[in-house]
Amino acid sequence: MQNLDEMIVLFFQSLRCEPLTLFFSVFIPYELWSVIAVALVLFSYYKTKVLRFPVISFFLAGVMSRFSYEIIKGFIQRPRPFRTIEGAIPLLSVDGFSCPSGHATMAVTAAVVLGHHFPNFRKPVYGVALMIVLSRVYFGVHYLSDVLAGMVLGAILGWLCIIAERAILLVIAGVDLRKVDILKLLFRG
């Protein structure tokens, strides 16, 4: 697996060019998700006149993904590709460990949450998440397996955030969670 990961990093490095680097640079900041979330809320309100913002699940997405990937990175302690692959040159200055990718984890967590709350925008939101994921390999700061691990972690965390939000809203509404069918909590639309 390591050899394949190294080949993929070097392949992505061979694709580098100014237009592609500029394109992927749009997907660097974590704050991008806040802008997307606000845009979806405003557009949704404009279309439906109903103000909806998944505050609870979006907050949980940020907190849970950050803590999760930091803890896992501490256990795995995988060096970044440019520290182990001869000839690998990163385009970004980063430190710390590589696996799982924090950007991939947060991007997919946010995409799952926003895609759930704004199903009409699921494809573009998932597309942005995919661009963020690919940018991490393109910039030479992650192996492909790092971002794949981040995507899996992000998908799991995204659904956990949605389930937690449902439970919190039920508690706020005065529902005794001990009397709630767990399957309805997990799989309600």
N, C-alpha and C. Protein backbone atom coordinates (compact mmCIF):
# COMPACT_ATOMS: atom_id res chain seq x y z
N MET A 1 0.83 -1.20 0.00
CA MET A 1 0.00 0.00 0.00
C MET A 1 0.87 1.26 0.00
N GLN A 2 1.93 1.26 0.79
CA GLN A 2 2.80 2.43 0.87
C GLN A 2 3.39 2.76 -0.50
N ASN A 3 3.80 1.75 -1.24
CA ASN A 3 4.39 1.98 -2.55
C ASN A 3 3.37 2.61 -3.50
N LEU A 4 2.13 2.11 -3.48
CA LEU A 4 1.07 2.67 -4.31
C LEU A 4 0.78 4.11 -3.89
N ASP A 5 0.72 4.36 -2.60
CA ASP A 5 0.52 5.72 -2.08
C ASP A 5 1.61 6.66 -2.59
N GLU A 6 2.85 6.21 -2.55
CA GLU A 6 3.97 7.04 -3.01
C GLU A 6 3.85 7.33 -4.50
N MET A 7 3.48 6.32 -5.28
CA MET A 7 3.32 6.51 -6.72
C MET A 7 2.23 7.52 -7.02
N ILE A 8 1.14 7.47 -6.25
CA ILE A 8 0.03 8.41 -6.47
C ILE A 8 0.44 9.84 -6.12
N VAL A 9 1.18 10.00 -5.03
CA VAL A 9 1.67 11.34 -4.65
C VAL A 9 2.52 11.91 -5.78
N LEU A 10 3.44 11.12 -6.29
CA LEU A 10 4.32 11.59 -7.37
C LEU A 10 3.54 11.83 -8.66
N PHE A 11 2.52 11.01 -8.92
CA PHE A 11 1.68 11.23 -10.10
C PHE A 11 0.97 12.58 -10.00
N PHE A 12 0.35 12.85 -8.85
CA PHE A 12 -0.34 14.13 -8.66
C PHE A 12 0.65 15.29 -8.79
N GLN A 13 1.87 15.09 -8.30
CA GLN A 13 2.89 16.13 -8.41
C GLN A 13 3.21 16.39 -9.88
N SER A 14 3.20 15.35 -10.72
CA SER A 14 3.50 15.52 -12.14
C SER A 14 2.40 16.29 -12.88
N LEU A 15 1.21 16.36 -12.31
CA LEU A 15 0.09 17.07 -12.94
C LEU A 15 0.09 18.57 -12.64
N ARG A 16 0.95 19.00 -11.76
CA ARG A 16 0.91 20.39 -11.30
C ARG A 16 1.15 21.37 -12.44
N CYS A 17 0.29 22.39 -12.44
CA CYS A 17 0.43 23.51 -13.36
C CYS A 17 -0.27 24.71 -12.71
N GLU A 18 0.03 25.89 -13.19
CA GLU A 18 -0.49 27.10 -12.56
C GLU A 18 -2.03 27.15 -12.50
N PRO A 19 -2.74 26.85 -13.60
CA PRO A 19 -4.21 26.91 -13.51
C PRO A 19 -4.79 25.90 -12.51
N LEU A 20 -4.24 24.69 -12.48
CA LEU A 20 -4.74 23.68 -11.55
C LEU A 20 -4.42 24.05 -10.11
N THR A 21 -3.24 24.60 -9.88
CA THR A 21 -2.86 25.04 -8.54
C THR A 21 -3.78 26.17 -8.07
N LEU A 22 -4.08 27.10 -8.96
CA LEU A 22 -4.99 28.20 -8.63
C LEU A 22 -6.39 27.65 -8.33
N PHE A 23 -6.85 26.71 -9.15
CA PHE A 23 -8.17 26.10 -8.94
C PHE A 23 -8.26 25.44 -7.57
N PHE A 24 -7.28 24.59 -7.23
CA PHE A 24 -7.32 23.88 -5.95
C PHE A 24 -7.10 24.82 -4.76
N SER A 25 -6.48 25.97 -4.98
CA SER A 25 -6.24 26.92 -3.88
C SER A 25 -7.54 27.45 -3.29
N VAL A 26 -8.60 27.45 -4.10
CA VAL A 26 -9.91 27.91 -3.62
C VAL A 26 -10.39 27.03 -2.48
N PHE A 27 -9.97 25.76 -2.48
CA PHE A 27 -10.50 24.78 -1.53
C PHE A 27 -9.64 24.61 -0.28
N ILE A 28 -8.69 25.49 -0.03
CA ILE A 28 -7.79 25.36 1.11
C ILE A 28 -8.45 25.73 2.44
N PRO A 29 -9.12 26.89 2.55
CA PRO A 29 -9.55 27.32 3.89
C PRO A 29 -10.71 26.53 4.47
N TYR A 30 -10.60 26.24 5.76
CA TYR A 30 -11.70 25.60 6.49
C TYR A 30 -12.95 26.48 6.46
N GLU A 31 -12.76 27.79 6.42
CA GLU A 31 -13.88 28.73 6.47
C GLU A 31 -14.80 28.61 5.27
N LEU A 32 -14.35 27.95 4.22
CA LEU A 32 -15.17 27.76 3.02
C LEU A 32 -16.52 27.15 3.37
N TRP A 33 -16.52 26.21 4.33
CA TRP A 33 -17.79 25.55 4.70
C TRP A 33 -18.75 26.50 5.36
N SER A 34 -18.26 27.46 6.11
CA SER A 34 -19.15 28.44 6.72
C SER A 34 -19.82 29.29 5.65
N VAL A 35 -19.05 29.68 4.65
CA VAL A 35 -19.59 30.47 3.55
C VAL A 35 -20.65 29.66 2.80
N ILE A 36 -20.35 28.40 2.52
CA ILE A 36 -21.31 27.54 1.82
C ILE A 36 -22.57 27.36 2.65
N ALA A 37 -22.43 27.14 3.95
CA ALA A 37 -23.60 26.95 4.82
C ALA A 37 -24.48 28.19 4.82
N VAL A 38 -23.88 29.36 4.97
CA VAL A 38 -24.67 30.60 4.98
C VAL A 38 -25.35 30.81 3.62
N ALA A 39 -24.63 30.53 2.54
CA ALA A 39 -25.22 30.67 1.21
C ALA A 39 -26.42 29.74 1.04
N LEU A 40 -26.30 28.50 1.51
CA LEU A 40 -27.42 27.55 1.41
C LEU A 40 -28.62 28.01 2.24
N VAL A 41 -28.34 28.53 3.42
CA VAL A 41 -29.43 29.01 4.28
C VAL A 41 -30.15 30.18 3.60
N LEU A 42 -29.38 31.12 3.08
CA LEU A 42 -29.99 32.29 2.44
C LEU A 42 -30.76 31.90 1.18
N PHE A 43 -30.16 31.06 0.36
CA PHE A 43 -30.83 30.63 -0.87
C PHE A 43 -32.10 29.84 -0.54
N SER A 44 -32.02 28.97 0.43
CA SER A 44 -33.17 28.19 0.86
C SER A 44 -34.29 29.11 1.37
N TYR A 45 -33.91 30.12 2.15
CA TYR A 45 -34.90 31.07 2.66
C TYR A 45 -35.55 31.86 1.51
N TYR A 46 -34.72 32.26 0.56
CA TYR A 46 -35.24 33.01 -0.60
C TYR A 46 -36.26 32.19 -1.36
N LYS A 47 -36.01 30.89 -1.51
CA LYS A 47 -36.90 30.01 -2.27
C LYS A 47 -38.14 29.59 -1.48
N THR A 48 -37.99 29.33 -0.17
CA THR A 48 -39.09 28.74 0.61
C THR A 48 -39.69 29.69 1.64
N LYS A 49 -39.02 30.78 1.92
CA LYS A 49 -39.42 31.72 2.98
C LYS A 49 -39.43 31.06 4.36
N VAL A 50 -38.69 29.97 4.48
CA VAL A 50 -38.54 29.28 5.77
C VAL A 50 -37.06 29.34 6.13
N LEU A 51 -36.77 29.92 7.28
CA LEU A 51 -35.38 30.04 7.71
C LEU A 51 -34.99 28.78 8.47
N ARG A 52 -34.06 28.01 7.88
CA ARG A 52 -33.57 26.78 8.50
C ARG A 52 -32.05 26.84 8.53
N PHE A 53 -31.51 26.57 9.68
CA PHE A 53 -30.06 26.45 9.76
C PHE A 53 -29.73 25.33 10.72
N PRO A 54 -29.00 24.35 10.25
CA PRO A 54 -28.67 23.20 11.09
C PRO A 54 -27.57 23.53 12.10
N VAL A 55 -27.87 24.46 12.99
CA VAL A 55 -26.85 24.96 13.92
C VAL A 55 -26.25 23.83 14.75
N ILE A 56 -27.08 22.98 15.29
CA ILE A 56 -26.58 21.93 16.19
C ILE A 56 -25.67 20.97 15.45
N SER A 57 -26.14 20.42 14.33
CA SER A 57 -25.32 19.43 13.63
C SER A 57 -24.10 20.07 12.98
N PHE A 58 -24.21 21.32 12.52
CA PHE A 58 -23.04 21.97 11.92
C PHE A 58 -21.97 22.25 12.97
N PHE A 59 -22.41 22.70 14.15
CA PHE A 59 -21.47 22.91 15.26
C PHE A 59 -20.81 21.59 15.66
N LEU A 60 -21.63 20.54 15.82
CA LEU A 60 -21.09 19.22 16.17
C LEU A 60 -20.11 18.72 15.11
N ALA A 61 -20.41 19.00 13.84
CA ALA A 61 -19.53 18.56 12.75
C ALA A 61 -18.13 19.14 12.92
N GLY A 62 -18.06 20.42 13.22
CA GLY A 62 -16.75 21.05 13.41
C GLY A 62 -16.00 20.51 14.61
N VAL A 63 -16.70 20.42 15.72
CA VAL A 63 -16.06 19.97 16.96
C VAL A 63 -15.67 18.49 16.89
N MET A 64 -16.62 17.65 16.48
CA MET A 64 -16.35 16.20 16.46
C MET A 64 -15.26 15.83 15.45
N SER A 65 -15.29 16.45 14.28
CA SER A 65 -14.28 16.10 13.29
C SER A 65 -12.89 16.55 13.74
N ARG A 66 -12.80 17.75 14.29
CA ARG A 66 -11.50 18.26 14.74
C ARG A 66 -10.90 17.37 15.83
N PHE A 67 -11.69 17.07 16.86
CA PHE A 67 -11.16 16.23 17.94
C PHE A 67 -10.84 14.83 17.45
N SER A 68 -11.69 14.27 16.62
CA SER A 68 -11.49 12.90 16.15
C SER A 68 -10.22 12.75 15.34
N TYR A 69 -10.04 13.60 14.34
CA TYR A 69 -8.84 13.42 13.51
C TYR A 69 -7.57 13.74 14.27
N GLU A 70 -7.63 14.69 15.19
CA GLU A 70 -6.42 14.98 15.98
C GLU A 70 -6.03 13.79 16.86
N ILE A 71 -7.01 13.17 17.50
CA ILE A 71 -6.73 12.00 18.35
C ILE A 71 -6.18 10.85 17.52
N ILE A 72 -6.82 10.59 16.38
CA ILE A 72 -6.38 9.48 15.53
C ILE A 72 -4.98 9.74 14.97
N LYS A 73 -4.71 10.97 14.56
CA LYS A 73 -3.36 11.30 14.07
C LYS A 73 -2.31 11.02 15.13
N GLY A 74 -2.65 11.32 16.38
CA GLY A 74 -1.72 11.07 17.48
C GLY A 74 -1.41 9.60 17.67
N PHE A 75 -2.38 8.76 17.39
CA PHE A 75 -2.16 7.30 17.50
C PHE A 75 -1.39 6.76 16.30
N ILE A 76 -1.77 7.18 15.11
CA ILE A 76 -1.16 6.62 13.89
C ILE A 76 0.25 7.19 13.66
N GLN A 77 0.40 8.49 13.84
CA GLN A 77 1.68 9.18 13.69
C GLN A 77 2.38 8.91 12.36
N ARG A 78 1.64 8.99 11.29
CA ARG A 78 2.20 8.78 9.96
C ARG A 78 2.83 10.08 9.47
N PRO A 79 4.09 10.02 9.05
CA PRO A 79 4.73 11.24 8.52
C PRO A 79 4.09 11.67 7.21
N ARG A 80 4.17 12.93 6.92
CA ARG A 80 3.63 13.46 5.66
C ARG A 80 4.49 12.98 4.49
N PRO A 81 3.91 12.91 3.29
CA PRO A 81 4.62 12.33 2.15
C PRO A 81 5.95 13.03 1.83
N PHE A 82 5.98 14.34 1.95
CA PHE A 82 7.20 15.07 1.60
C PHE A 82 8.34 14.80 2.59
N ARG A 83 8.02 14.19 3.72
CA ARG A 83 9.06 13.83 4.69
C ARG A 83 9.63 12.44 4.42
N THR A 84 8.92 11.63 3.62
CA THR A 84 9.38 10.25 3.41
C THR A 84 9.64 9.89 1.95
N ILE A 85 9.09 10.64 1.01
CA ILE A 85 9.25 10.31 -0.41
C ILE A 85 10.32 11.21 -1.02
N GLU A 86 11.32 10.60 -1.56
CA GLU A 86 12.37 11.37 -2.22
C GLU A 86 11.80 12.06 -3.45
N GLY A 87 12.00 13.35 -3.54
CA GLY A 87 11.51 14.12 -4.68
C GLY A 87 10.11 14.70 -4.49
N ALA A 88 9.44 14.35 -3.42
CA ALA A 88 8.11 14.91 -3.17
C ALA A 88 8.26 16.34 -2.63
N ILE A 89 7.56 17.26 -3.25
CA ILE A 89 7.66 18.67 -2.88
C ILE A 89 6.26 19.19 -2.55
N PRO A 90 6.04 19.61 -1.30
CA PRO A 90 4.71 20.15 -0.95
C PRO A 90 4.55 21.57 -1.47
N LEU A 91 3.33 21.92 -1.80
CA LEU A 91 3.04 23.30 -2.22
C LEU A 91 2.51 24.13 -1.06
N LEU A 92 2.28 23.49 0.07
CA LEU A 92 1.79 24.17 1.27
C LEU A 92 2.73 23.90 2.42
N SER A 93 2.77 24.84 3.34
CA SER A 93 3.55 24.64 4.56
C SER A 93 2.63 24.06 5.62
N VAL A 94 2.90 22.81 6.00
CA VAL A 94 2.09 22.14 7.02
C VAL A 94 3.02 21.42 7.98
N ASP A 95 2.50 21.12 9.16
CA ASP A 95 3.27 20.33 10.11
C ASP A 95 2.36 19.25 10.68
N GLY A 96 2.85 18.52 11.61
CA GLY A 96 2.05 17.47 12.22
C GLY A 96 2.02 16.21 11.38
N PHE A 97 1.16 15.31 11.79
CA PHE A 97 1.08 14.01 11.12
C PHE A 97 0.07 14.05 9.97
N SER A 98 0.05 12.96 9.23
CA SER A 98 -0.65 12.93 7.95
C SER A 98 -2.00 12.21 7.96
N CYS A 99 -2.14 11.17 8.74
CA CYS A 99 -3.32 10.32 8.60
C CYS A 99 -4.17 10.30 9.87
N PRO A 100 -5.46 10.57 9.75
CA PRO A 100 -6.23 10.89 8.56
C PRO A 100 -6.12 12.38 8.22
N SER A 101 -6.47 12.71 7.00
CA SER A 101 -6.46 14.11 6.59
C SER A 101 -7.55 14.87 7.34
N GLY A 102 -7.15 15.94 8.02
CA GLY A 102 -8.13 16.77 8.73
C GLY A 102 -9.06 17.48 7.78
N HIS A 103 -8.51 17.99 6.66
CA HIS A 103 -9.36 18.67 5.68
C HIS A 103 -10.40 17.70 5.10
N ALA A 104 -9.96 16.48 4.78
CA ALA A 104 -10.90 15.50 4.22
C ALA A 104 -11.97 15.14 5.25
N THR A 105 -11.55 14.96 6.49
CA THR A 105 -12.51 14.62 7.55
C THR A 105 -13.55 15.72 7.71
N MET A 106 -13.08 16.95 7.84
CA MET A 106 -14.01 18.07 8.04
C MET A 106 -14.87 18.31 6.81
N ALA A 107 -14.29 18.17 5.61
CA ALA A 107 -15.05 18.41 4.39
C ALA A 107 -16.19 17.41 4.24
N VAL A 108 -15.91 16.15 4.47
CA VAL A 108 -16.96 15.14 4.30
C VAL A 108 -17.98 15.23 5.44
N THR A 109 -17.53 15.50 6.65
CA THR A 109 -18.47 15.68 7.76
C THR A 109 -19.44 16.82 7.44
N ALA A 110 -18.89 17.96 7.03
CA ALA A 110 -19.73 19.11 6.69
C ALA A 110 -20.63 18.81 5.49
N ALA A 111 -20.12 18.10 4.50
CA ALA A 111 -20.91 17.77 3.31
C ALA A 111 -22.08 16.86 3.66
N VAL A 112 -21.85 15.88 4.52
CA VAL A 112 -22.93 14.97 4.92
C VAL A 112 -24.01 15.76 5.67
N VAL A 113 -23.60 16.62 6.59
CA VAL A 113 -24.56 17.41 7.37
C VAL A 113 -25.34 18.37 6.46
N LEU A 114 -24.62 19.12 5.63
CA LEU A 114 -25.30 20.08 4.77
C LEU A 114 -26.13 19.37 3.70
N GLY A 115 -25.62 18.27 3.17
CA GLY A 115 -26.38 17.51 2.18
C GLY A 115 -27.66 16.94 2.76
N HIS A 116 -27.62 16.58 4.03
CA HIS A 116 -28.83 16.08 4.70
C HIS A 116 -29.87 17.18 4.86
N HIS A 117 -29.43 18.34 5.29
CA HIS A 117 -30.35 19.45 5.55
C HIS A 117 -30.79 20.17 4.29
N PHE A 118 -29.98 20.10 3.25
CA PHE A 118 -30.29 20.77 1.98
C PHE A 118 -30.14 19.76 0.84
N PRO A 119 -31.05 18.80 0.75
CA PRO A 119 -30.90 17.70 -0.21
C PRO A 119 -30.83 18.15 -1.67
N ASN A 120 -31.44 19.28 -2.01
CA ASN A 120 -31.36 19.76 -3.39
C ASN A 120 -29.95 20.19 -3.78
N PHE A 121 -29.10 20.41 -2.79
CA PHE A 121 -27.74 20.86 -3.05
C PHE A 121 -26.70 19.78 -2.71
N ARG A 122 -27.15 18.57 -2.53
CA ARG A 122 -26.27 17.48 -2.13
C ARG A 122 -25.12 17.29 -3.12
N LYS A 123 -25.42 17.24 -4.41
CA LYS A 123 -24.36 16.99 -5.41
C LYS A 123 -23.30 18.08 -5.42
N PRO A 124 -23.67 19.37 -5.46
CA PRO A 124 -22.61 20.38 -5.43
C PRO A 124 -21.81 20.39 -4.12
N VAL A 125 -22.50 20.14 -3.01
CA VAL A 125 -21.80 20.12 -1.72
C VAL A 125 -20.81 18.95 -1.68
N TYR A 126 -21.24 17.79 -2.15
CA TYR A 126 -20.33 16.64 -2.21
C TYR A 126 -19.19 16.91 -3.20
N GLY A 127 -19.49 17.63 -4.28
CA GLY A 127 -18.45 17.99 -5.25
C GLY A 127 -17.37 18.87 -4.63
N VAL A 128 -17.78 19.84 -3.82
CA VAL A 128 -16.81 20.70 -3.12
C VAL A 128 -15.96 19.85 -2.18
N ALA A 129 -16.61 18.95 -1.45
CA ALA A 129 -15.86 18.07 -0.54
C ALA A 129 -14.82 17.25 -1.31
N LEU A 130 -15.22 16.72 -2.46
CA LEU A 130 -14.28 15.93 -3.27
C LEU A 130 -13.10 16.78 -3.74
N MET A 131 -13.35 18.03 -4.11
CA MET A 131 -12.25 18.90 -4.54
C MET A 131 -11.29 19.19 -3.38
N ILE A 132 -11.84 19.36 -2.20
CA ILE A 132 -10.99 19.57 -1.01
C ILE A 132 -10.12 18.34 -0.79
N VAL A 133 -10.74 17.16 -0.87
CA VAL A 133 -10.02 15.91 -0.66
C VAL A 133 -8.88 15.77 -1.69
N LEU A 134 -9.19 15.96 -2.96
CA LEU A 134 -8.17 15.83 -4.01
C LEU A 134 -7.07 16.87 -3.88
N SER A 135 -7.44 18.07 -3.41
CA SER A 135 -6.44 19.14 -3.28
C SER A 135 -5.34 18.77 -2.29
N ARG A 136 -5.67 17.99 -1.28
CA ARG A 136 -4.67 17.62 -0.27
C ARG A 136 -3.58 16.73 -0.86
N VAL A 137 -3.97 15.85 -1.79
CA VAL A 137 -2.97 15.01 -2.47
C VAL A 137 -2.24 15.85 -3.51
N TYR A 138 -2.97 16.68 -4.24
CA TYR A 138 -2.36 17.55 -5.26
C TYR A 138 -1.28 18.44 -4.63
N PHE A 139 -1.56 19.01 -3.47
CA PHE A 139 -0.59 19.89 -2.82
C PHE A 139 0.56 19.13 -2.17
N GLY A 140 0.49 17.81 -2.16
CA GLY A 140 1.60 17.00 -1.67
C GLY A 140 1.69 16.91 -0.15
N VAL A 141 0.58 17.18 0.53
CA VAL A 141 0.62 17.16 1.99
C VAL A 141 -0.04 15.91 2.58
N HIS A 142 -0.64 15.07 1.70
CA HIS A 142 -1.27 13.83 2.16
C HIS A 142 -1.11 12.74 1.11
N TYR A 143 -1.08 11.52 1.61
CA TYR A 143 -1.19 10.36 0.73
C TYR A 143 -2.67 10.18 0.39
N LEU A 144 -2.95 9.44 -0.68
CA LEU A 144 -4.33 9.13 -1.03
C LEU A 144 -5.02 8.37 0.11
N SER A 145 -4.32 7.44 0.73
CA SER A 145 -4.94 6.67 1.83
C SER A 145 -5.27 7.57 3.02
N ASP A 146 -4.54 8.66 3.22
CA ASP A 146 -4.87 9.62 4.29
C ASP A 146 -6.22 10.27 4.05
N VAL A 147 -6.43 10.69 2.79
CA VAL A 147 -7.69 11.38 2.50
C VAL A 147 -8.85 10.38 2.45
N LEU A 148 -8.59 9.17 2.00
CA LEU A 148 -9.65 8.15 2.03
C LEU A 148 -10.06 7.84 3.47
N ALA A 149 -9.08 7.74 4.36
CA ALA A 149 -9.39 7.52 5.78
C ALA A 149 -10.18 8.70 6.33
N GLY A 150 -9.81 9.91 5.95
CA GLY A 150 -10.54 11.10 6.38
C GLY A 150 -11.97 11.12 5.86
N MET A 151 -12.15 10.63 4.62
CA MET A 151 -13.50 10.59 4.05
C MET A 151 -14.40 9.60 4.81
N VAL A 152 -13.85 8.44 5.11
CA VAL A 152 -14.64 7.44 5.85
C VAL A 152 -14.99 7.99 7.24
N LEU A 153 -13.99 8.54 7.92
CA LEU A 153 -14.22 9.12 9.24
C LEU A 153 -15.25 10.24 9.16
N GLY A 154 -15.12 11.09 8.15
CA GLY A 154 -16.06 12.20 7.98
C GLY A 154 -17.48 11.75 7.72
N ALA A 155 -17.65 10.69 6.92
CA ALA A 155 -18.99 10.17 6.65
C ALA A 155 -19.63 9.64 7.93
N ILE A 156 -18.86 8.91 8.70
CA ILE A 156 -19.37 8.38 9.98
C ILE A 156 -19.73 9.53 10.93
N LEU A 157 -18.83 10.49 11.05
CA LEU A 157 -19.08 11.62 11.95
C LEU A 157 -20.26 12.46 11.49
N GLY A 158 -20.42 12.63 10.19
CA GLY A 158 -21.54 13.41 9.68
C GLY A 158 -22.87 12.81 10.10
N TRP A 159 -22.99 11.50 9.95
CA TRP A 159 -24.25 10.85 10.36
C TRP A 159 -24.42 10.86 11.87
N LEU A 160 -23.32 10.73 12.60
CA LEU A 160 -23.43 10.83 14.06
C LEU A 160 -23.91 12.22 14.48
N CYS A 161 -23.46 13.25 13.78
CA CYS A 161 -23.91 14.62 14.07
C CYS A 161 -25.40 14.77 13.82
N ILE A 162 -25.88 14.20 12.72
CA ILE A 162 -27.31 14.28 12.39
C ILE A 162 -28.13 13.54 13.44
N ILE A 163 -27.69 12.37 13.83
CA ILE A 163 -28.40 11.58 14.86
C ILE A 163 -28.38 12.32 16.19
N ALA A 164 -27.22 12.90 16.55
CA ALA A 164 -27.12 13.64 17.81
C ALA A 164 -28.04 14.86 17.78
N GLU A 165 -28.10 15.53 16.65
CA GLU A 165 -28.99 16.69 16.52
C GLU A 165 -30.45 16.26 16.73
N ARG A 166 -30.85 15.15 16.12
CA ARG A 166 -32.22 14.65 16.30
C ARG A 166 -32.51 14.38 17.77
N ALA A 167 -31.56 13.73 18.44
CA ALA A 167 -31.75 13.41 19.85
C ALA A 167 -31.85 14.68 20.69
N ILE A 168 -30.99 15.65 20.41
CA ILE A 168 -31.01 16.91 21.17
C ILE A 168 -32.33 17.64 20.96
N LEU A 169 -32.80 17.69 19.71
CA LEU A 169 -34.08 18.36 19.43
C LEU A 169 -35.24 17.66 20.11
N LEU A 170 -35.20 16.33 20.18
CA LEU A 170 -36.25 15.59 20.89
C LEU A 170 -36.22 15.91 22.38
N VAL A 171 -35.04 15.97 22.97
CA VAL A 171 -34.91 16.29 24.39
C VAL A 171 -35.43 17.71 24.64
N ILE A 172 -35.07 18.65 23.77
CA ILE A 172 -35.56 20.03 23.91
C ILE A 172 -37.08 20.07 23.84
N ALA A 173 -37.65 19.20 23.00
CA ALA A 173 -39.11 19.14 22.86
C ALA A 173 -39.77 18.39 24.02
N GLY A 174 -38.98 17.87 24.96
CA GLY A 174 -39.53 17.20 26.12
C GLY A 174 -39.77 15.72 25.95
N VAL A 175 -39.22 15.12 24.92
CA VAL A 175 -39.42 13.69 24.66
C VAL A 175 -38.42 12.90 25.50
N ASP A 176 -38.91 11.85 26.13
CA ASP A 176 -38.05 10.94 26.88
C ASP A 176 -37.37 9.99 25.89
N LEU A 177 -36.07 10.12 25.71
CA LEU A 177 -35.35 9.32 24.71
C LEU A 177 -35.42 7.83 25.00
N ARG A 178 -35.69 7.47 26.24
CA ARG A 178 -35.81 6.04 26.55
C ARG A 178 -37.04 5.43 25.89
N LYS A 179 -37.99 6.28 25.50
CA LYS A 179 -39.22 5.79 24.87
C LYS A 179 -39.19 5.94 23.34
N VAL A 180 -38.06 6.36 22.81
CA VAL A 180 -37.95 6.57 21.36
C VAL A 180 -37.41 5.30 20.71
N ASP A 181 -38.04 4.88 19.64
CA ASP A 181 -37.56 3.75 18.85
C ASP A 181 -36.24 4.16 18.21
N ILE A 182 -35.17 3.47 18.58
CA ILE A 182 -33.83 3.84 18.11
C ILE A 182 -33.74 3.80 16.59
N LEU A 183 -34.44 2.89 15.94
CA LEU A 183 -34.41 2.81 14.48
C LEU A 183 -35.01 4.05 13.84
N LYS A 184 -36.07 4.60 14.45
CA LYS A 184 -36.67 5.84 13.93
C LYS A 184 -35.72 7.01 14.13
N LEU A 185 -34.99 7.01 15.21
CA LEU A 185 -34.02 8.06 15.46
C LEU A 185 -32.88 7.98 14.42
N LEU A 186 -32.44 6.78 14.12
CA LEU A 186 -31.33 6.59 13.19
C LEU A 186 -31.71 6.83 11.75
N PHE A 187 -32.91 6.40 11.35
CA PHE A 187 -33.23 6.38 9.93
C PHE A 187 -34.36 7.30 9.51
N ARG A 188 -34.79 8.17 10.37
CA ARG A 188 -35.82 9.12 9.99
C ARG A 188 -35.28 10.05 8.91
N GLY A 189 -36.09 10.34 7.89
CA GLY A 189 -35.69 11.16 6.73
C GLY A 189 -34.92 12.32 7.09
